[in-house]
Amino acid sequence: MWWLDIENDICGQYWSCDQPLNSATIQGAIDFLHAEKLTAGIYSTSVQYQGNHRRLCPDGPQIPIWVAGAYWTSPPYPSSYGYYSPSVLAAYCGAKYAFAGGATWILQETPGPNDYPFDPDYAC
C-alpha cells in the first residue's frame, strides 16, 4: 500500500498554480504504482485536495482515501487518557469525507485541545 500525501500549500511552494498539471502529476504517480501492481491511495483533506487538483477523480479502480484531520471525537486512546472507544467517527467512513471519487479507508482524528501527542487513525 502506497499513500500519496496530497496536502498543504495550495498554489505555492510545493504545488503548481496550474491545476491540470497537478492533476496529471497525481494521475502519473497512481498509474506508475498500479503498473507495479501496488495499491495507491490518497492522504489529504477534501479542501486541500480540491484546491490543488480541481476535483480530479483518478482513472482506474476506485482509489482508497485516508482523510487527514477528521474531527476529534472519542478515539481509541489508552484508557488512562479517559477516552473511550469506539470512535463516533465510524459513521463518517462513507461519502461524508471522501473525495477524488474514492472510498474512505482511514480517518485521521485530531486529538483537539489536550496533551495527547499523536493523531490516531480510525480504520473504516
PDB file of N, CA and C in Angstrom:
ATOM      1  N   MET A   1       0.845  -1.179   0.000  1.00  0.00           N
ATOM      2  CA  MET A   1       0.000   0.000   0.000  1.00  0.00           C
ATOM      3  C   MET A   1       0.883   1.233   0.000  1.00  0.00           C
ATOM      4  N   TRP A   2       0.626   2.135  -0.919  1.00  0.00           N
ATOM      5  CA  TRP A   2       1.349   3.400  -1.001  1.00  0.00           C
ATOM      6  C   TRP A   2       0.349   4.538  -0.872  1.00  0.00           C
ATOM      7  N   TRP A   3       0.613   5.453   0.052  1.00  0.00           N
ATOM      8  CA  TRP A   3      -0.258   6.615   0.246  1.00  0.00           C
ATOM      9  C   TRP A   3       0.434   7.840  -0.334  1.00  0.00           C
ATOM     10  N   LEU A   4      -0.243   8.526  -1.235  1.00  0.00           N
ATOM     11  CA  LEU A   4       0.254   9.772  -1.797  1.00  0.00           C
ATOM     12  C   LEU A   4      -0.232  10.913  -0.904  1.00  0.00           C
ATOM     13  N   ASP A   5       0.689  11.621  -0.284  1.00  0.00           N
ATOM     14  CA  ASP A   5       0.347  12.708   0.634  1.00  0.00           C
ATOM     15  C   ASP A   5       0.114  13.966  -0.199  1.00  0.00           C
ATOM     16  N   ILE A   6      -1.145  14.331  -0.354  1.00  0.00           N
ATOM     17  CA  ILE A   6      -1.509  15.454  -1.217  1.00  0.00           C
ATOM     18  C   ILE A   6      -2.215  16.492  -0.359  1.00  0.00           C
ATOM     19  N   GLU A   7      -1.420  17.365   0.214  1.00  0.00           N
ATOM     20  CA  GLU A   7      -1.977  18.396   1.072  1.00  0.00           C
ATOM     21  C   GLU A   7      -1.028  19.578   1.125  1.00  0.00           C
ATOM     22  N   ASN A   8      -1.424  20.573   1.866  1.00  0.00           N
ATOM     23  CA  ASN A   8      -0.632  21.770   2.112  1.00  0.00           C
ATOM     24  C   ASN A   8      -0.409  22.607   0.859  1.00  0.00           C
ATOM     25  N   ASP A   9      -0.079  23.829   1.084  1.00  0.00           N
ATOM     26  CA  ASP A   9       0.445  24.720   0.074  1.00  0.00           C
ATOM     27  C   ASP A   9      -0.369  24.777  -1.214  1.00  0.00           C
ATOM     28  N   ILE A  10      -1.600  25.195  -1.119  1.00  0.00           N
ATOM     29  CA  ILE A  10      -2.416  25.338  -2.316  1.00  0.00           C
ATOM     30  C   ILE A  10      -1.829  26.462  -3.156  1.00  0.00           C
ATOM     31  N   CYS A  11      -1.290  26.095  -4.302  1.00  0.00           N
ATOM     32  CA  CYS A  11      -0.714  27.062  -5.257  1.00  0.00           C
ATOM     33  C   CYS A  11       0.434  27.826  -4.617  1.00  0.00           C
ATOM     34  N   GLY A  12       1.574  27.181  -4.508  1.00  0.00           N
ATOM     35  CA  GLY A  12       2.711  27.852  -3.888  1.00  0.00           C
ATOM     36  C   GLY A  12       3.987  27.061  -4.023  1.00  0.00           C
ATOM     37  N   GLN A  13       4.664  26.834  -2.895  1.00  0.00           N
ATOM     38  CA  GLN A  13       5.979  26.215  -2.896  1.00  0.00           C
ATOM     39  C   GLN A  13       5.971  24.771  -3.387  1.00  0.00           C
ATOM     40  N   TYR A  14       4.974  23.967  -3.015  1.00  0.00           N
ATOM     41  CA  TYR A  14       5.007  22.541  -3.343  1.00  0.00           C
ATOM     42  C   TYR A  14       4.127  22.158  -4.522  1.00  0.00           C
ATOM     43  N   TRP A  15       3.091  22.897  -4.774  1.00  0.00           N
ATOM     44  CA  TRP A  15       2.179  22.599  -5.878  1.00  0.00           C
ATOM     45  C   TRP A  15       2.111  23.777  -6.829  1.00  0.00           C
ATOM     46  N   SER A  16       1.965  23.469  -8.090  1.00  0.00           N
ATOM     47  CA  SER A  16       1.837  24.496  -9.115  1.00  0.00           C
ATOM     48  C   SER A  16       0.475  25.180  -9.018  1.00  0.00           C
ATOM     49  N   CYS A  17       0.376  26.368  -9.536  1.00  0.00           N
ATOM     50  CA  CYS A  17      -0.919  27.038  -9.661  1.00  0.00           C
ATOM     51  C   CYS A  17      -1.678  26.492 -10.871  1.00  0.00           C
ATOM     52  N   ASP A  18      -1.023  25.653 -11.655  1.00  0.00           N
ATOM     53  CA  ASP A  18      -1.607  25.013 -12.834  1.00  0.00           C
ATOM     54  C   ASP A  18      -2.301  23.720 -12.379  1.00  0.00           C
ATOM     55  N   GLN A  19      -3.590  23.788 -12.088  1.00  0.00           N
ATOM     56  CA  GLN A  19      -4.308  22.628 -11.553  1.00  0.00           C
ATOM     57  C   GLN A  19      -4.288  21.423 -12.485  1.00  0.00           C
ATOM     58  N   PRO A  20      -4.426  21.579 -13.803  1.00  0.00           N
ATOM     59  CA  PRO A  20      -4.322  20.401 -14.677  1.00  0.00           C
ATOM     60  C   PRO A  20      -2.945  19.715 -14.576  1.00  0.00           C
ATOM     61  N   LEU A  21      -1.882  20.498 -14.402  1.00  0.00           N
ATOM     62  CA  LEU A  21      -0.551  19.913 -14.222  1.00  0.00           C
ATOM     63  C   LEU A  21      -0.496  19.125 -12.918  1.00  0.00           C
ATOM     64  N   ASN A  22      -1.060  19.679 -11.846  1.00  0.00           N
ATOM     65  CA  ASN A  22      -1.102  18.967 -10.570  1.00  0.00           C
ATOM     66  C   ASN A  22      -1.865  17.651 -10.717  1.00  0.00           C
ATOM     67  N   SER A  23      -2.999  17.708 -11.402  1.00  0.00           N
ATOM     68  CA  SER A  23      -3.810  16.501 -11.605  1.00  0.00           C
ATOM     69  C   SER A  23      -3.045  15.459 -12.411  1.00  0.00           C
ATOM     70  N   ALA A  24      -2.324  15.898 -13.446  1.00  0.00           N
ATOM     71  CA  ALA A  24      -1.532  14.968 -14.263  1.00  0.00           C
ATOM     72  C   ALA A  24      -0.417  14.332 -13.429  1.00  0.00           C
ATOM     73  N   THR A  25       0.156  15.101 -12.514  1.00  0.00           N
ATOM     74  CA  THR A  25       1.208  14.568 -11.638  1.00  0.00           C
ATOM     75  C   THR A  25       0.657  13.469 -10.735  1.00  0.00           C
ATOM     76  N   ILE A  26      -0.496  13.714 -10.154  1.00  0.00           N
ATOM     77  CA  ILE A  26      -1.130  12.712  -9.285  1.00  0.00           C
ATOM     78  C   ILE A  26      -1.492  11.471 -10.095  1.00  0.00           C
ATOM     79  N   GLN A  27      -2.125  11.677 -11.256  1.00  0.00           N
ATOM     80  CA  GLN A  27      -2.519  10.542 -12.086  1.00  0.00           C
ATOM     81  C   GLN A  27      -1.292   9.736 -12.513  1.00  0.00           C
ATOM     82  N   GLY A  28      -0.191  10.414 -12.839  1.00  0.00           N
ATOM     83  CA  GLY A  28       1.040   9.717 -13.213  1.00  0.00           C
ATOM     84  C   GLY A  28       1.594   8.866 -12.085  1.00  0.00           C
ATOM     85  N   ALA A  29       1.561   9.387 -10.870  1.00  0.00           N
ATOM     86  CA  ALA A  29       2.043   8.624  -9.711  1.00  0.00           C
ATOM     87  C   ALA A  29       1.160   7.396  -9.480  1.00  0.00           C
ATOM     88  N   ILE A  30      -0.155   7.584  -9.592  1.00  0.00           N
ATOM     89  CA  ILE A  30      -1.083   6.463  -9.416  1.00  0.00           C
ATOM     90  C   ILE A  30      -0.877   5.423 -10.508  1.00  0.00           C
ATOM     91  N   ASP A  31      -0.754   5.866 -11.756  1.00  0.00           N
ATOM     92  CA  ASP A  31      -0.540   4.943 -12.874  1.00  0.00           C
ATOM     93  C   ASP A  31       0.739   4.133 -12.698  1.00  0.00           C
ATOM     94  N   PHE A  32       1.815   4.793 -12.256  1.00  0.00           N
ATOM     95  CA  PHE A  32       3.079   4.086 -12.036  1.00  0.00           C
ATOM     96  C   PHE A  32       2.919   3.012 -10.964  1.00  0.00           C
ATOM     97  N   LEU A  33       2.306   3.380  -9.837  1.00  0.00           N
ATOM     98  CA  LEU A  33       2.132   2.407  -8.755  1.00  0.00           C
ATOM     99  C   LEU A  33       1.257   1.245  -9.198  1.00  0.00           C
ATOM    100  N   HIS A  34       0.192   1.529  -9.935  1.00  0.00           N
ATOM    101  CA  HIS A  34      -0.663   0.450 -10.440  1.00  0.00           C
ATOM    102  C   HIS A  34       0.099  -0.447 -11.417  1.00  0.00           C
ATOM    103  N   ALA A  35       0.945   0.138 -12.265  1.00  0.00           N
ATOM    104  CA  ALA A  35       1.750  -0.653 -13.201  1.00  0.00           C
ATOM    105  C   ALA A  35       2.703  -1.582 -12.465  1.00  0.00           C
ATOM    106  N   GLU A  36       3.116  -1.178 -11.267  1.00  0.00           N
ATOM    107  CA  GLU A  36       3.992  -2.002 -10.432  1.00  0.00           C
ATOM    108  C   GLU A  36       3.197  -2.977  -9.566  1.00  0.00           C
ATOM    109  N   LYS A  37       1.900  -3.069  -9.817  1.00  0.00           N
ATOM    110  CA  LYS A  37       0.990  -3.958  -9.080  1.00  0.00           C
ATOM    111  C   LYS A  37       0.881  -3.584  -7.605  1.00  0.00           C
ATOM    112  N   LEU A  38       0.961  -2.285  -7.326  1.00  0.00           N
ATOM    113  CA  LEU A  38       0.839  -1.765  -5.969  1.00  0.00           C
ATOM    114  C   LEU A  38      -0.473  -1.015  -5.834  1.00  0.00           C
ATOM    115  N   THR A  39      -1.002  -0.978  -4.627  1.00  0.00           N
ATOM    116  CA  THR A  39      -2.216  -0.222  -4.357  1.00  0.00           C
ATOM    117  C   THR A  39      -1.826   1.205  -4.006  1.00  0.00           C
ATOM    118  N   ALA A  40      -2.436   2.162  -4.675  1.00  0.00           N
ATOM    119  CA  ALA A  40      -2.167   3.577  -4.432  1.00  0.00           C
ATOM    120  C   ALA A  40      -3.386   4.200  -3.771  1.00  0.00           C
ATOM    121  N   GLY A  41      -3.148   4.964  -2.719  1.00  0.00           N
ATOM    122  CA  GLY A  41      -4.214   5.698  -2.054  1.00  0.00           C
ATOM    123  C   GLY A  41      -3.822   7.148  -1.911  1.00  0.00           C
ATOM    124  N   ILE A  42      -4.792   7.980  -1.536  1.00  0.00           N
ATOM    125  CA  ILE A  42      -4.545   9.410  -1.359  1.00  0.00           C
ATOM    126  C   ILE A  42      -4.808   9.797   0.096  1.00  0.00           C
ATOM    127  N   TYR A  43      -3.826  10.472   0.691  1.00  0.00           N
ATOM    128  CA  TYR A  43      -3.941  11.044   2.030  1.00  0.00           C
ATOM    129  C   TYR A  43      -4.067  12.547   1.855  1.00  0.00           C
ATOM    130  N   SER A  44      -5.179  13.122   2.286  1.00  0.00           N
ATOM    131  CA  SER A  44      -5.400  14.554   2.135  1.00  0.00           C
ATOM    132  C   SER A  44      -6.652  14.950   2.901  1.00  0.00           C
ATOM    133  N   THR A  45      -7.032  16.211   2.727  1.00  0.00           N
ATOM    134  CA  THR A  45      -8.344  16.686   3.160  1.00  0.00           C
ATOM    135  C   THR A  45      -9.103  17.067   1.897  1.00  0.00           C
ATOM    136  N   SER A  46     -10.403  17.064   1.962  1.00  0.00           N
ATOM    137  CA  SER A  46     -11.172  17.405   0.764  1.00  0.00           C
ATOM    138  C   SER A  46     -10.896  18.843   0.333  1.00  0.00           C
ATOM    139  N   VAL A  47     -10.683  19.743   1.266  1.00  0.00           N
ATOM    140  CA  VAL A  47     -10.421  21.145   0.926  1.00  0.00           C
ATOM    141  C   VAL A  47      -9.077  21.285   0.219  1.00  0.00           C
ATOM    142  N   GLN A  48      -8.031  20.687   0.774  1.00  0.00           N
ATOM    143  CA  GLN A  48      -6.712  20.806   0.161  1.00  0.00           C
ATOM    144  C   GLN A  48      -6.653  20.052  -1.166  1.00  0.00           C
ATOM    145  N   TYR A  49      -7.241  18.890  -1.222  1.00  0.00           N
ATOM    146  CA  TYR A  49      -7.217  18.117  -2.463  1.00  0.00           C
ATOM    147  C   TYR A  49      -7.918  18.871  -3.586  1.00  0.00           C
ATOM    148  N   GLN A  50      -9.105  19.361  -3.329  1.00  0.00           N
ATOM    149  CA  GLN A  50      -9.859  20.060  -4.373  1.00  0.00           C
ATOM    150  C   GLN A  50      -9.212  21.394  -4.724  1.00  0.00           C
ATOM    151  N   GLY A  51      -8.571  22.050  -3.777  1.00  0.00           N
ATOM    152  CA  GLY A  51      -7.909  23.315  -4.059  1.00  0.00           C
ATOM    153  C   GLY A  51      -6.724  23.166  -4.986  1.00  0.00           C
ATOM    154  N   ASN A  52      -6.010  22.047  -4.875  1.00  0.00           N
ATOM    155  CA  ASN A  52      -4.827  21.821  -5.691  1.00  0.00           C
ATOM    156  C   ASN A  52      -5.117  21.134  -7.015  1.00  0.00           C
ATOM    157  N   HIS A  53      -6.203  20.390  -7.080  1.00  0.00           N
ATOM    158  CA  HIS A  53      -6.320  19.443  -8.180  1.00  0.00           C
ATOM    159  C   HIS A  53      -7.658  19.455  -8.897  1.00  0.00           C
ATOM    160  N   ARG A  54      -8.402  20.486  -8.736  1.00  0.00           N
ATOM    161  CA  ARG A  54      -9.641  20.695  -9.470  1.00  0.00           C
ATOM    162  C   ARG A  54     -10.530  19.443  -9.471  1.00  0.00           C
ATOM    163  N   ARG A  55     -10.636  18.821  -8.323  1.00  0.00           N
ATOM    164  CA  ARG A  55     -11.547  17.687  -8.135  1.00  0.00           C
ATOM    165  C   ARG A  55     -11.251  16.491  -9.039  1.00  0.00           C
ATOM    166  N   LEU A  56      -9.982  16.227  -9.275  1.00  0.00           N
ATOM    167  CA  LEU A  56      -9.590  15.072 -10.071  1.00  0.00           C
ATOM    168  C   LEU A  56     -10.147  13.795  -9.475  1.00  0.00           C
ATOM    169  N   CYS A  57     -10.812  12.995 -10.277  1.00  0.00           N
ATOM    170  CA  CYS A  57     -11.178  11.628  -9.928  1.00  0.00           C
ATOM    171  C   CYS A  57     -10.262  10.741 -10.758  1.00  0.00           C
ATOM    172  N   PRO A  58      -9.250  10.145 -10.147  1.00  0.00           N
ATOM    173  CA  PRO A  58      -8.261   9.377 -10.912  1.00  0.00           C
ATOM    174  C   PRO A  58      -8.901   8.266 -11.739  1.00  0.00           C
ATOM    175  N   ASP A  59      -8.282   8.008 -12.892  1.00  0.00           N
ATOM    176  CA  ASP A  59      -8.702   6.895 -13.739  1.00  0.00           C
ATOM    177  C   ASP A  59      -8.352   5.585 -13.049  1.00  0.00           C
ATOM    178  N   GLY A  60      -9.061   4.534 -13.425  1.00  0.00           N
ATOM    179  CA  GLY A  60      -8.767   3.215 -12.888  1.00  0.00           C
ATOM    180  C   GLY A  60      -9.691   2.858 -11.748  1.00  0.00           C
ATOM    181  N   PRO A  61      -9.277   1.870 -10.971  1.00  0.00           N
ATOM    182  CA  PRO A  61     -10.133   1.434  -9.857  1.00  0.00           C
ATOM    183  C   PRO A  61     -10.312   2.540  -8.819  1.00  0.00           C
ATOM    184  N   GLN A  62     -11.398   2.424  -8.065  1.00  0.00           N
ATOM    185  CA  GLN A  62     -11.671   3.420  -7.029  1.00  0.00           C
ATOM    186  C   GLN A  62     -10.484   3.503  -6.086  1.00  0.00           C
ATOM    187  N   ILE A  63     -10.062   4.728  -5.807  1.00  0.00           N
ATOM    188  CA  ILE A  63      -8.860   4.958  -5.012  1.00  0.00           C
ATOM    189  C   ILE A  63      -9.185   4.955  -3.515  1.00  0.00           C
ATOM    190  N   PRO A  64      -8.367   4.289  -2.697  1.00  0.00           N
ATOM    191  CA  PRO A  64      -8.553   4.371  -1.250  1.00  0.00           C
ATOM    192  C   PRO A  64      -8.220   5.778  -0.749  1.00  0.00           C
ATOM    193  N   ILE A  65      -8.959   6.240   0.245  1.00  0.00           N
ATOM    194  CA  ILE A  65      -8.772   7.571   0.797  1.00  0.00           C
ATOM    195  C   ILE A  65      -8.443   7.474   2.289  1.00  0.00           C
ATOM    196  N   TRP A  66      -7.431   8.229   2.691  1.00  0.00           N
ATOM    197  CA  TRP A  66      -7.077   8.393   4.105  1.00  0.00           C
ATOM    198  C   TRP A  66      -7.341   9.867   4.400  1.00  0.00           C
ATOM    199  N   VAL A  67      -8.393  10.155   5.133  1.00  0.00           N
ATOM    200  CA  VAL A  67      -8.816  11.528   5.389  1.00  0.00           C
ATOM    201  C   VAL A  67      -8.007  12.109   6.544  1.00  0.00           C
ATOM    202  N   ALA A  68      -7.237  13.145   6.239  1.00  0.00           N
ATOM    203  CA  ALA A  68      -6.430  13.827   7.256  1.00  0.00           C
ATOM    204  C   ALA A  68      -7.308  14.788   8.048  1.00  0.00           C
ATOM    205  N   GLY A  69      -7.056  14.877   9.335  1.00  0.00           N
ATOM    206  CA  GLY A  69      -7.687  15.901  10.158  1.00  0.00           C
ATOM    207  C   GLY A  69      -9.183  15.791  10.330  1.00  0.00           C
ATOM    208  N   ALA A  70      -9.699  14.583  10.424  1.00  0.00           N
ATOM    209  CA  ALA A  70     -11.126  14.433  10.732  1.00  0.00           C
ATOM    210  C   ALA A  70     -11.374  14.997  12.126  1.00  0.00           C
ATOM    211  N   TYR A  71     -12.603  15.339  12.400  1.00  0.00           N
ATOM    212  CA  TYR A  71     -12.925  15.959  13.691  1.00  0.00           C
ATOM    213  C   TYR A  71     -12.536  15.076  14.857  1.00  0.00           C
ATOM    214  N   TRP A  72     -12.078  15.709  15.925  1.00  0.00           N
ATOM    215  CA  TRP A  72     -11.760  14.979  17.150  1.00  0.00           C
ATOM    216  C   TRP A  72     -13.048  14.556  17.825  1.00  0.00           C
ATOM    217  N   THR A  73     -13.060  13.317  18.265  1.00  0.00           N
ATOM    218  CA  THR A  73     -14.237  12.806  18.971  1.00  0.00           C
ATOM    219  C   THR A  73     -13.782  12.040  20.185  1.00  0.00           C
ATOM    220  N   SER A  74     -13.996  10.764  20.168  1.00  0.00           N
ATOM    221  CA  SER A  74     -13.591   9.907  21.270  1.00  0.00           C
ATOM    222  C   SER A  74     -12.808   8.736  20.690  1.00  0.00           C
ATOM    223  N   PRO A  75     -11.608   9.010  20.194  1.00  0.00           N
ATOM    224  CA  PRO A  75     -10.844   7.958  19.535  1.00  0.00           C
ATOM    225  C   PRO A  75     -10.324   6.913  20.500  1.00  0.00           C
ATOM    226  N   PRO A  76      -9.768   5.859  19.977  1.00  0.00           N
ATOM    227  CA  PRO A  76      -9.294   4.755  20.828  1.00  0.00           C
ATOM    228  C   PRO A  76      -7.963   5.041  21.501  1.00  0.00           C
ATOM    229  N   TYR A  77      -7.920   6.103  22.293  1.00  0.00           N
ATOM    230  CA  TYR A  77      -6.737   6.400  23.081  1.00  0.00           C
ATOM    231  C   TYR A  77      -6.627   5.373  24.207  1.00  0.00           C
ATOM    232  N   PRO A  78      -5.457   5.277  24.829  1.00  0.00           N
ATOM    233  CA  PRO A  78      -5.355   4.406  26.001  1.00  0.00           C
ATOM    234  C   PRO A  78      -6.379   4.817  27.062  1.00  0.00           C
ATOM    235  N   SER A  79      -6.907   3.861  27.777  1.00  0.00           N
ATOM    236  CA  SER A  79      -7.932   4.157  28.779  1.00  0.00           C
ATOM    237  C   SER A  79      -7.426   5.128  29.845  1.00  0.00           C
ATOM    238  N   SER A  80      -6.119   5.191  30.049  1.00  0.00           N
ATOM    239  CA  SER A  80      -5.566   6.116  31.031  1.00  0.00           C
ATOM    240  C   SER A  80      -5.805   7.583  30.663  1.00  0.00           C
ATOM    241  N   TYR A  81      -6.149   7.856  29.383  1.00  0.00           N
ATOM    242  CA  TYR A  81      -6.438   9.223  28.961  1.00  0.00           C
ATOM    243  C   TYR A  81      -7.895   9.590  29.201  1.00  0.00           C
ATOM    244  N   GLY A  82      -8.692   8.632  29.637  1.00  0.00           N
ATOM    245  CA  GLY A  82     -10.079   8.924  29.955  1.00  0.00           C
ATOM    246  C   GLY A  82     -10.999   8.984  28.750  1.00  0.00           C
ATOM    247  N   TYR A  83     -10.557   8.495  27.605  1.00  0.00           N
ATOM    248  CA  TYR A  83     -11.386   8.456  26.410  1.00  0.00           C
ATOM    249  C   TYR A  83     -11.832   7.020  26.180  1.00  0.00           C
ATOM    250  N   TYR A  84     -12.953   6.863  25.569  1.00  0.00           N
ATOM    251  CA  TYR A  84     -13.486   5.522  25.370  1.00  0.00           C
ATOM    252  C   TYR A  84     -13.786   5.294  23.897  1.00  0.00           C
ATOM    253  N   SER A  85     -13.481   4.101  23.426  1.00  0.00           N
ATOM    254  CA  SER A  85     -13.774   3.763  22.037  1.00  0.00           C
ATOM    255  C   SER A  85     -15.094   2.991  22.009  1.00  0.00           C
ATOM    256  N   PRO A  86     -15.697   2.730  20.903  1.00  0.00           N
ATOM    257  CA  PRO A  86     -15.167   3.071  19.587  1.00  0.00           C
ATOM    258  C   PRO A  86     -15.442   4.524  19.231  1.00  0.00           C
ATOM    259  N   SER A  87     -14.734   4.986  18.254  1.00  0.00           N
ATOM    260  CA  SER A  87     -14.892   6.353  17.798  1.00  0.00           C
ATOM    261  C   SER A  87     -16.280   6.564  17.214  1.00  0.00           C
ATOM    262  N   VAL A  88     -16.849   7.726  17.468  1.00  0.00           N
ATOM    263  CA  VAL A  88     -18.130   8.058  16.846  1.00  0.00           C
ATOM    264  C   VAL A  88     -17.941   8.428  15.383  1.00  0.00           C
ATOM    265  N   LEU A  89     -16.688   8.488  14.935  1.00  0.00           N
ATOM    266  CA  LEU A  89     -16.431   8.789  13.531  1.00  0.00           C
ATOM    267  C   LEU A  89     -16.756   7.618  12.607  1.00  0.00           C
ATOM    268  N   ALA A  90     -17.000   6.456  13.147  1.00  0.00           N
ATOM    269  CA  ALA A  90     -17.289   5.298  12.302  1.00  0.00           C
ATOM    270  C   ALA A  90     -18.398   5.602  11.298  1.00  0.00           C
ATOM    271  N   ALA A  91     -19.346   6.415  11.700  1.00  0.00           N
ATOM    272  CA  ALA A  91     -20.448   6.756  10.799  1.00  0.00           C
ATOM    273  C   ALA A  91     -19.987   7.608   9.616  1.00  0.00           C
ATOM    274  N   TYR A  92     -18.798   8.196   9.701  1.00  0.00           N
ATOM    275  CA  TYR A  92     -18.293   9.067   8.643  1.00  0.00           C
ATOM    276  C   TYR A  92     -17.343   8.369   7.673  1.00  0.00           C
ATOM    277  N   CYS A  93     -17.283   7.075   7.733  1.00  0.00           N
ATOM    278  CA  CYS A  93     -16.406   6.338   6.819  1.00  0.00           C
ATOM    279  C   CYS A  93     -16.981   6.278   5.410  1.00  0.00           C
ATOM    280  N   GLY A  94     -18.198   6.712   5.224  1.00  0.00           N
ATOM    281  CA  GLY A  94     -18.793   6.711   3.892  1.00  0.00           C
ATOM    282  C   GLY A  94     -18.425   7.958   3.120  1.00  0.00           C
ATOM    283  N   ALA A  95     -19.367   8.484   2.410  1.00  0.00           N
ATOM    284  CA  ALA A  95     -19.130   9.592   1.481  1.00  0.00           C
ATOM    285  C   ALA A  95     -18.922  10.946   2.152  1.00  0.00           C
ATOM    286  N   LYS A  96     -19.215  11.073   3.442  1.00  0.00           N
ATOM    287  CA  LYS A  96     -19.141  12.382   4.095  1.00  0.00           C
ATOM    288  C   LYS A  96     -17.784  13.063   3.915  1.00  0.00           C
ATOM    289  N   TYR A  97     -16.695  12.334   4.083  1.00  0.00           N
ATOM    290  CA  TYR A  97     -15.363  12.909   3.976  1.00  0.00           C
ATOM    291  C   TYR A  97     -14.623  12.512   2.707  1.00  0.00           C
ATOM    292  N   ALA A  98     -15.157  11.605   1.932  1.00  0.00           N
ATOM    293  CA  ALA A  98     -14.449  11.095   0.757  1.00  0.00           C
ATOM    294  C   ALA A  98     -14.281  12.183  -0.301  1.00  0.00           C
ATOM    295  N   PHE A  99     -13.287  12.020  -1.121  1.00  0.00           N
ATOM    296  CA  PHE A  99     -13.009  12.924  -2.231  1.00  0.00           C
ATOM    297  C   PHE A  99     -12.303  12.111  -3.308  1.00  0.00           C
ATOM    298  N   ALA A 100     -12.054  12.696  -4.436  1.00  0.00           N
ATOM    299  CA  ALA A 100     -11.347  12.050  -5.544  1.00  0.00           C
ATOM    300  C   ALA A 100     -12.079  10.812  -6.058  1.00  0.00           C
ATOM    301  N   GLY A 101     -13.377  10.721  -5.799  1.00  0.00           N
ATOM    302  CA  GLY A 101     -14.127   9.557  -6.251  1.00  0.00           C
ATOM    303  C   GLY A 101     -13.754   8.284  -5.520  1.00  0.00           C
ATOM    304  N   GLY A 102     -13.047   8.435  -4.391  1.00  0.00           N
ATOM    305  CA  GLY A 102     -12.539   7.272  -3.669  1.00  0.00           C
ATOM    306  C   GLY A 102     -13.429   6.822  -2.536  1.00  0.00           C
ATOM    307  N   ALA A 103     -12.988   5.762  -1.905  1.00  0.00           N
ATOM    308  CA  ALA A 103     -13.669   5.200  -0.746  1.00  0.00           C
ATOM    309  C   ALA A 103     -12.790   5.420   0.483  1.00  0.00           C
ATOM    310  N   THR A 104     -13.377   5.938   1.551  1.00  0.00           N
ATOM    311  CA  THR A 104     -12.613   6.214   2.764  1.00  0.00           C
ATOM    312  C   THR A 104     -12.234   4.913   3.455  1.00  0.00           C
ATOM    313  N   TRP A 105     -10.934   4.706   3.606  1.00  0.00           N
ATOM    314  CA  TRP A 105     -10.411   3.541   4.310  1.00  0.00           C
ATOM    315  C   TRP A 105     -10.002   3.899   5.731  1.00  0.00           C
ATOM    316  N   ILE A 106      -9.457   5.125   5.906  1.00  0.00           N
ATOM    317  CA  ILE A 106      -8.911   5.527   7.203  1.00  0.00           C
ATOM    318  C   ILE A 106      -9.299   6.973   7.478  1.00  0.00           C
ATOM    319  N   LEU A 107      -9.628   7.265   8.733  1.00  0.00           N
ATOM    320  CA  LEU A 107      -9.833   8.642   9.191  1.00  0.00           C
ATOM    321  C   LEU A 107      -8.731   8.960  10.193  1.00  0.00           C
ATOM    322  N   GLN A 108      -8.044  10.067   9.989  1.00  0.00           N
ATOM    323  CA  GLN A 108      -7.055  10.516  10.962  1.00  0.00           C
ATOM    324  C   GLN A 108      -7.757  11.494  11.884  1.00  0.00           C
ATOM    325  N   GLU A 109      -7.847  11.131  13.143  1.00  0.00           N
ATOM    326  CA  GLU A 109      -8.508  12.004  14.106  1.00  0.00           C
ATOM    327  C   GLU A 109      -7.495  12.975  14.696  1.00  0.00           C
ATOM    328  N   THR A 110      -7.911  14.204  14.862  1.00  0.00           N
ATOM    329  CA  THR A 110      -7.056  15.176  15.526  1.00  0.00           C
ATOM    330  C   THR A 110      -7.458  15.225  16.993  1.00  0.00           C
ATOM    331  N   PRO A 111      -6.485  15.143  17.898  1.00  0.00           N
ATOM    332  CA  PRO A 111      -6.827  14.989  19.309  1.00  0.00           C
ATOM    333  C   PRO A 111      -7.411  16.211  19.989  1.00  0.00           C
ATOM    334  N   GLY A 112      -7.407  17.343  19.350  1.00  0.00           N
ATOM    335  CA  GLY A 112      -8.025  18.505  19.983  1.00  0.00           C
ATOM    336  C   GLY A 112      -7.175  19.098  21.085  1.00  0.00           C
ATOM    337  N   PRO A 113      -7.781  19.899  21.932  1.00  0.00           N
ATOM    338  CA  PRO A 113      -7.027  20.622  22.964  1.00  0.00           C
ATOM    339  C   PRO A 113      -6.718  19.738  24.170  1.00  0.00           C
ATOM    340  N   ASN A 114      -5.723  18.895  24.047  1.00  0.00           N
ATOM    341  CA  ASN A 114      -5.274  18.078  25.170  1.00  0.00           C
ATOM    342  C   ASN A 114      -3.790  17.808  24.988  1.00  0.00           C
ATOM    343  N   ASP A 115      -3.222  17.018  25.856  1.00  0.00           N
ATOM    344  CA  ASP A 115      -1.787  16.759  25.804  1.00  0.00           C
ATOM    345  C   ASP A 115      -1.448  15.456  25.098  1.00  0.00           C
ATOM    346  N   TYR A 116      -2.387  14.859  24.403  1.00  0.00           N
ATOM    347  CA  TYR A 116      -2.109  13.605  23.713  1.00  0.00           C
ATOM    348  C   TYR A 116      -1.205  13.912  22.527  1.00  0.00           C
ATOM    349  N   PRO A 117      -0.027  13.269  22.435  1.00  0.00           N
ATOM    350  CA  PRO A 117       0.967  13.669  21.433  1.00  0.00           C
ATOM    351  C   PRO A 117       0.776  13.097  20.022  1.00  0.00           C
ATOM    352  N   PHE A 118      -0.277  12.347  19.756  1.00  0.00           N
ATOM    353  CA  PHE A 118      -0.432  11.684  18.463  1.00  0.00           C
ATOM    354  C   PHE A 118      -1.764  12.013  17.823  1.00  0.00           C
ATOM    355  N   ASP A 119      -1.831  11.847  16.518  1.00  0.00           N
ATOM    356  CA  ASP A 119      -3.083  11.927  15.782  1.00  0.00           C
ATOM    357  C   ASP A 119      -3.485  10.489  15.449  1.00  0.00           C
ATOM    358  N   PRO A 120      -4.349   9.886  16.226  1.00  0.00           N
ATOM    359  CA  PRO A 120      -4.693   8.481  15.982  1.00  0.00           C
ATOM    360  C   PRO A 120      -5.546   8.333  14.731  1.00  0.00           C
ATOM    361  N   ASP A 121      -5.517   7.143  14.174  1.00  0.00           N
ATOM    362  CA  ASP A 121      -6.298   6.821  12.979  1.00  0.00           C
ATOM    363  C   ASP A 121      -7.403   5.856  13.319  1.00  0.00           C
ATOM    364  N   TYR A 122      -8.467   5.947  12.543  1.00  0.00           N
ATOM    365  CA  TYR A 122      -9.598   5.031  12.698  1.00  0.00           C
ATOM    366  C   TYR A 122      -9.788   4.303  11.369  1.00  0.00           C
ATOM    367  N   ALA A 123      -9.680   2.979  11.376  1.00  0.00           N
ATOM    368  CA  ALA A 123      -9.860   2.190  10.162  1.00  0.00           C
ATOM    369  C   ALA A 123     -11.349   1.999   9.889  1.00  0.00           C
ATOM    370  N   CYS A 124     -11.735   2.306   8.669  1.00  0.00           N
ATOM    371  CA  CYS A 124     -13.154   2.189   8.298  1.00  0.00           C
ATOM    372  C   CYS A 124     -13.527   0.749   7.961  1.00  0.00           C
TER     373      CYS A 124
END
